[in-house]
Amino acid sequence: MEIVVRSQGGASVIDLAGRLDAHQSKHVTQMLANTVAATPRVIVNLKQVHFIDSTGLATLVRGMRQSREKAGDLVLCDLQQPVRIIFELTKLDRAFQIYSSEQAALQALQ
């Protein structure tokens, strides 16, 4: 899994690429914790994530909770169809704010 963190419009954007699964979740969990500690407004761009499992979902939920504890928010954008279906099946599309583009996510966090 590739992880890139960058600043954009007063928020941190985390670009993930590859599989977000049990093998990769430890790295993503640490990156989310570090990012939220620095900037509690976080966008996770899943444009290049083609698979997510329950551990990956739990990692994102944990990051969202950490962000909200610091009066911020964690939102998602650019979900590929297979990943979006997982969010819909697990009903996590109701828990997360999901945007079709990074620009839309940035506007929502402003």
N, C-alpha and C. Protein backbone atom coordinates (compact mmCIF):
# COMPACT_ATOMS: atom_id res chain seq x y z
N MET A 1 0.84 -1.18 0.00
CA MET A 1 0.00 0.00 0.00
C MET A 1 0.88 1.23 0.00
N GLU A 2 0.53 2.17 -0.84
CA GLU A 2 1.22 3.45 -0.88
C GLU A 2 0.39 4.46 -0.10
N ILE A 3 1.06 5.27 0.73
CA ILE A 3 0.39 6.29 1.53
C ILE A 3 1.13 7.60 1.32
N VAL A 4 0.40 8.62 0.90
CA VAL A 4 0.96 9.96 0.73
C VAL A 4 0.09 10.92 1.52
N VAL A 5 0.73 11.74 2.36
CA VAL A 5 0.01 12.74 3.14
C VAL A 5 0.44 14.11 2.65
N ARG A 6 -0.54 14.97 2.40
CA ARG A 6 -0.25 16.32 1.94
C ARG A 6 -1.27 17.29 2.52
N SER A 7 -0.92 18.57 2.53
CA SER A 7 -1.84 19.61 3.01
C SER A 7 -2.53 20.23 1.82
N GLN A 8 -3.81 20.52 2.02
CA GLN A 8 -4.60 21.14 0.95
C GLN A 8 -5.71 21.96 1.59
N GLY A 9 -5.68 23.25 1.45
CA GLY A 9 -6.77 24.10 1.92
C GLY A 9 -7.08 23.99 3.40
N GLY A 10 -6.08 23.89 4.23
CA GLY A 10 -6.30 23.81 5.68
C GLY A 10 -6.66 22.43 6.20
N ALA A 11 -6.62 21.44 5.34
CA ALA A 11 -6.91 20.06 5.73
C ALA A 11 -5.74 19.19 5.32
N SER A 12 -5.66 18.03 5.92
CA SER A 12 -4.68 17.03 5.50
C SER A 12 -5.38 16.05 4.57
N VAL A 13 -4.74 15.74 3.46
CA VAL A 13 -5.26 14.76 2.51
C VAL A 13 -4.36 13.55 2.55
N ILE A 14 -4.96 12.40 2.77
CA ILE A 14 -4.22 11.14 2.76
C ILE A 14 -4.63 10.38 1.51
N ASP A 15 -3.69 10.20 0.61
CA ASP A 15 -3.92 9.43 -0.61
C ASP A 15 -3.48 8.00 -0.35
N LEU A 16 -4.40 7.07 -0.52
CA LEU A 16 -4.08 5.66 -0.35
C LEU A 16 -4.14 4.97 -1.70
N ALA A 17 -3.27 4.00 -1.92
CA ALA A 17 -3.27 3.25 -3.17
C ALA A 17 -2.99 1.78 -2.86
N GLY A 18 -3.79 0.90 -3.44
CA GLY A 18 -3.60 -0.53 -3.24
C GLY A 18 -4.75 -1.14 -2.46
N ARG A 19 -4.43 -2.12 -1.65
CA ARG A 19 -5.43 -2.83 -0.84
C ARG A 19 -5.38 -2.31 0.59
N LEU A 20 -6.54 -1.96 1.12
CA LEU A 20 -6.63 -1.56 2.53
C LEU A 20 -7.20 -2.76 3.28
N ASP A 21 -6.30 -3.60 3.75
CA ASP A 21 -6.71 -4.85 4.39
C ASP A 21 -5.93 -5.07 5.68
N ALA A 22 -6.11 -6.22 6.27
CA ALA A 22 -5.48 -6.53 7.56
C ALA A 22 -3.96 -6.42 7.50
N HIS A 23 -3.37 -6.69 6.36
CA HIS A 23 -1.91 -6.62 6.25
C HIS A 23 -1.40 -5.18 6.23
N GLN A 24 -2.22 -4.26 5.77
CA GLN A 24 -1.79 -2.87 5.62
C GLN A 24 -2.35 -1.95 6.70
N SER A 25 -3.30 -2.40 7.46
CA SER A 25 -4.02 -1.51 8.39
C SER A 25 -3.12 -0.91 9.48
N LYS A 26 -2.10 -1.64 9.90
CA LYS A 26 -1.22 -1.12 10.94
C LYS A 26 -0.53 0.17 10.48
N HIS A 27 -0.05 0.18 9.24
CA HIS A 27 0.61 1.36 8.69
C HIS A 27 -0.38 2.52 8.54
N VAL A 28 -1.58 2.21 8.06
CA VAL A 28 -2.60 3.25 7.86
C VAL A 28 -3.06 3.79 9.21
N THR A 29 -3.23 2.93 10.21
CA THR A 29 -3.63 3.36 11.55
C THR A 29 -2.62 4.35 12.11
N GLN A 30 -1.34 4.04 11.99
CA GLN A 30 -0.30 4.94 12.50
C GLN A 30 -0.30 6.27 11.75
N MET A 31 -0.44 6.21 10.44
CA MET A 31 -0.45 7.43 9.62
C MET A 31 -1.67 8.29 9.97
N LEU A 32 -2.82 7.67 10.15
CA LEU A 32 -4.02 8.42 10.53
C LEU A 32 -3.84 9.08 11.89
N ALA A 33 -3.30 8.35 12.85
CA ALA A 33 -3.10 8.91 14.19
C ALA A 33 -2.16 10.11 14.14
N ASN A 34 -1.06 9.99 13.41
CA ASN A 34 -0.11 11.10 13.29
C ASN A 34 -0.74 12.30 12.58
N THR A 35 -1.50 12.02 11.53
CA THR A 35 -2.13 13.10 10.76
C THR A 35 -3.19 13.82 11.58
N VAL A 36 -4.04 13.07 12.26
CA VAL A 36 -5.09 13.67 13.08
C VAL A 36 -4.50 14.49 14.22
N ALA A 37 -3.39 14.03 14.78
CA ALA A 37 -2.74 14.78 15.86
C ALA A 37 -2.26 16.14 15.35
N ALA A 38 -1.83 16.20 14.10
CA ALA A 38 -1.33 17.45 13.53
C ALA A 38 -2.47 18.33 12.99
N THR A 39 -3.43 17.73 12.32
CA THR A 39 -4.55 18.45 11.70
C THR A 39 -5.79 17.57 11.80
N PRO A 40 -6.76 17.93 12.64
CA PRO A 40 -7.92 17.06 12.83
C PRO A 40 -8.91 17.04 11.65
N ARG A 41 -8.73 17.91 10.68
CA ARG A 41 -9.58 17.88 9.48
C ARG A 41 -8.86 17.08 8.41
N VAL A 42 -9.40 15.90 8.10
CA VAL A 42 -8.70 14.93 7.25
C VAL A 42 -9.61 14.45 6.12
N ILE A 43 -9.03 14.40 4.94
CA ILE A 43 -9.70 13.79 3.78
C ILE A 43 -8.90 12.55 3.42
N VAL A 44 -9.58 11.42 3.32
CA VAL A 44 -8.92 10.19 2.87
C VAL A 44 -9.39 9.95 1.44
N ASN A 45 -8.45 10.07 0.51
CA ASN A 45 -8.75 9.88 -0.90
C ASN A 45 -8.52 8.41 -1.24
N LEU A 46 -9.60 7.73 -1.60
CA LEU A 46 -9.55 6.30 -1.88
C LEU A 46 -9.60 5.99 -3.38
N LYS A 47 -9.24 6.97 -4.17
CA LYS A 47 -9.32 6.82 -5.64
C LYS A 47 -8.55 5.61 -6.14
N GLN A 48 -7.43 5.29 -5.52
CA GLN A 48 -6.60 4.19 -6.00
C GLN A 48 -6.68 2.95 -5.11
N VAL A 49 -7.67 2.91 -4.25
CA VAL A 49 -7.89 1.71 -3.42
C VAL A 49 -8.93 0.85 -4.12
N HIS A 50 -8.56 -0.36 -4.45
CA HIS A 50 -9.46 -1.25 -5.18
C HIS A 50 -10.06 -2.35 -4.30
N PHE A 51 -9.61 -2.45 -3.04
CA PHE A 51 -10.14 -3.47 -2.13
C PHE A 51 -10.03 -2.96 -0.71
N ILE A 52 -11.08 -3.22 0.07
CA ILE A 52 -11.05 -2.90 1.50
C ILE A 52 -11.75 -4.04 2.25
N ASP A 53 -11.17 -4.45 3.38
CA ASP A 53 -11.81 -5.50 4.18
C ASP A 53 -12.26 -4.90 5.51
N SER A 54 -12.76 -5.76 6.40
CA SER A 54 -13.31 -5.28 7.66
C SER A 54 -12.26 -4.58 8.53
N THR A 55 -11.03 -5.03 8.46
CA THR A 55 -9.97 -4.38 9.23
C THR A 55 -9.69 -2.99 8.67
N GLY A 56 -9.71 -2.85 7.37
CA GLY A 56 -9.55 -1.54 6.75
C GLY A 56 -10.68 -0.60 7.11
N LEU A 57 -11.90 -1.12 7.13
CA LEU A 57 -13.06 -0.30 7.54
C LEU A 57 -12.90 0.14 8.99
N ALA A 58 -12.50 -0.77 9.86
CA ALA A 58 -12.31 -0.44 11.27
C ALA A 58 -11.23 0.62 11.45
N THR A 59 -10.20 0.56 10.63
CA THR A 59 -9.12 1.55 10.67
C THR A 59 -9.66 2.94 10.36
N LEU A 60 -10.50 3.04 9.33
CA LEU A 60 -11.09 4.33 8.97
C LEU A 60 -12.05 4.83 10.04
N VAL A 61 -12.83 3.94 10.62
CA VAL A 61 -13.75 4.33 11.70
C VAL A 61 -12.95 4.86 12.89
N ARG A 62 -11.87 4.19 13.23
CA ARG A 62 -11.01 4.64 14.34
C ARG A 62 -10.45 6.04 14.05
N GLY A 63 -10.00 6.25 12.82
CA GLY A 63 -9.48 7.56 12.43
C GLY A 63 -10.54 8.64 12.52
N MET A 64 -11.76 8.32 12.09
CA MET A 64 -12.86 9.29 12.18
C MET A 64 -13.15 9.65 13.64
N ARG A 65 -13.16 8.64 14.49
CA ARG A 65 -13.41 8.88 15.91
C ARG A 65 -12.31 9.77 16.53
N GLN A 66 -11.06 9.48 16.21
CA GLN A 66 -9.95 10.29 16.72
C GLN A 66 -10.07 11.73 16.24
N SER A 67 -10.44 11.90 14.99
CA SER A 67 -10.58 13.24 14.43
C SER A 67 -11.70 14.01 15.13
N ARG A 68 -12.81 13.36 15.34
CA ARG A 68 -13.95 14.04 15.99
C ARG A 68 -13.67 14.35 17.45
N GLU A 69 -12.85 13.54 18.10
CA GLU A 69 -12.46 13.83 19.48
C GLU A 69 -11.63 15.11 19.57
N LYS A 70 -10.99 15.48 18.48
CA LYS A 70 -10.18 16.71 18.43
C LYS A 70 -10.94 17.84 17.73
N ALA A 71 -12.27 17.74 17.68
CA ALA A 71 -13.16 18.75 17.08
C ALA A 71 -12.91 18.90 15.58
N GLY A 72 -12.51 17.84 14.92
CA GLY A 72 -12.32 17.84 13.48
C GLY A 72 -13.27 16.86 12.83
N ASP A 73 -12.92 16.42 11.65
CA ASP A 73 -13.71 15.41 10.97
C ASP A 73 -12.83 14.68 9.97
N LEU A 74 -13.19 13.47 9.64
CA LEU A 74 -12.52 12.68 8.63
C LEU A 74 -13.56 12.32 7.60
N VAL A 75 -13.33 12.71 6.36
CA VAL A 75 -14.26 12.42 5.27
C VAL A 75 -13.54 11.62 4.21
N LEU A 76 -14.31 10.98 3.35
CA LEU A 76 -13.77 10.13 2.30
C LEU A 76 -14.13 10.71 0.94
N CYS A 77 -13.29 10.43 -0.06
CA CYS A 77 -13.64 10.86 -1.41
C CYS A 77 -13.11 9.87 -2.44
N ASP A 78 -13.69 9.98 -3.64
CA ASP A 78 -13.25 9.23 -4.82
C ASP A 78 -13.25 7.71 -4.63
N LEU A 79 -14.32 7.17 -4.07
CA LEU A 79 -14.39 5.72 -3.88
C LEU A 79 -14.64 5.03 -5.21
N GLN A 80 -13.87 3.98 -5.49
CA GLN A 80 -14.14 3.14 -6.64
C GLN A 80 -15.38 2.30 -6.34
N GLN A 81 -16.05 1.85 -7.38
CA GLN A 81 -17.31 1.12 -7.22
C GLN A 81 -17.21 -0.09 -6.28
N PRO A 82 -16.19 -0.96 -6.39
CA PRO A 82 -16.14 -2.10 -5.45
C PRO A 82 -16.01 -1.67 -3.98
N VAL A 83 -15.28 -0.60 -3.74
CA VAL A 83 -15.13 -0.09 -2.37
C VAL A 83 -16.43 0.56 -1.91
N ARG A 84 -17.08 1.32 -2.78
CA ARG A 84 -18.36 1.95 -2.43
C ARG A 84 -19.40 0.88 -2.06
N ILE A 85 -19.40 -0.21 -2.78
CA ILE A 85 -20.36 -1.29 -2.49
C ILE A 85 -20.13 -1.84 -1.08
N ILE A 86 -18.89 -2.01 -0.68
CA ILE A 86 -18.58 -2.49 0.67
C ILE A 86 -19.13 -1.51 1.71
N PHE A 87 -18.95 -0.22 1.49
CA PHE A 87 -19.47 0.77 2.42
C PHE A 87 -20.99 0.71 2.48
N GLU A 88 -21.64 0.50 1.35
CA GLU A 88 -23.10 0.41 1.34
C GLU A 88 -23.59 -0.86 2.03
N LEU A 89 -22.94 -1.99 1.77
CA LEU A 89 -23.35 -3.26 2.39
C LEU A 89 -23.19 -3.23 3.91
N THR A 90 -22.17 -2.56 4.38
CA THR A 90 -21.92 -2.48 5.82
C THR A 90 -22.63 -1.30 6.48
N LYS A 91 -23.32 -0.52 5.66
CA LYS A 91 -24.06 0.68 6.10
C LYS A 91 -23.13 1.78 6.64
N LEU A 92 -21.83 1.65 6.38
CA LEU A 92 -20.89 2.69 6.80
C LEU A 92 -20.97 3.93 5.92
N ASP A 93 -21.68 3.83 4.80
CA ASP A 93 -21.90 5.02 3.99
C ASP A 93 -22.78 6.02 4.73
N ARG A 94 -23.46 5.58 5.77
CA ARG A 94 -24.27 6.47 6.61
C ARG A 94 -23.44 7.12 7.71
N ALA A 95 -22.36 6.48 8.10
CA ALA A 95 -21.50 7.01 9.17
C ALA A 95 -20.49 8.02 8.63
N PHE A 96 -20.01 7.78 7.42
CA PHE A 96 -18.99 8.66 6.83
C PHE A 96 -19.64 9.64 5.86
N GLN A 97 -19.04 10.81 5.77
CA GLN A 97 -19.37 11.73 4.70
C GLN A 97 -18.50 11.31 3.53
N ILE A 98 -19.13 10.96 2.41
CA ILE A 98 -18.41 10.47 1.24
C ILE A 98 -18.69 11.43 0.08
N TYR A 99 -17.61 11.90 -0.54
CA TYR A 99 -17.72 12.87 -1.63
C TYR A 99 -17.18 12.28 -2.92
N SER A 100 -17.72 12.75 -4.02
CA SER A 100 -17.31 12.22 -5.32
C SER A 100 -15.95 12.73 -5.77
N SER A 101 -15.51 13.85 -5.20
CA SER A 101 -14.21 14.40 -5.59
C SER A 101 -13.51 15.01 -4.38
N GLU A 102 -12.22 15.21 -4.50
CA GLU A 102 -11.45 15.83 -3.44
C GLU A 102 -11.87 17.30 -3.25
N GLN A 103 -12.18 17.97 -4.35
CA GLN A 103 -12.63 19.37 -4.27
C GLN A 103 -13.91 19.48 -3.45
N ALA A 104 -14.86 18.58 -3.69
CA ALA A 104 -16.12 18.60 -2.94
C ALA A 104 -15.86 18.34 -1.46
N ALA A 105 -14.94 17.45 -1.16
CA ALA A 105 -14.60 17.15 0.24
C ALA A 105 -13.95 18.35 0.90
N LEU A 106 -13.06 19.03 0.18
CA LEU A 106 -12.42 20.24 0.72
C LEU A 106 -13.44 21.33 1.02
N GLN A 107 -14.37 21.53 0.12
CA GLN A 107 -15.41 22.54 0.32
C GLN A 107 -16.26 22.20 1.54
N ALA A 108 -16.56 20.94 1.74
CA ALA A 108 -17.37 20.53 2.87
C ALA A 108 -16.67 20.75 4.21
N LEU A 109 -15.35 20.63 4.23
CA LEU A 109 -14.60 20.80 5.47
C LEU A 109 -14.34 22.28 5.80
N GLN A 110 -14.59 23.16 4.87
CA GLN A 110 -14.31 24.59 5.10
C GLN A 110 -15.39 25.26 5.93
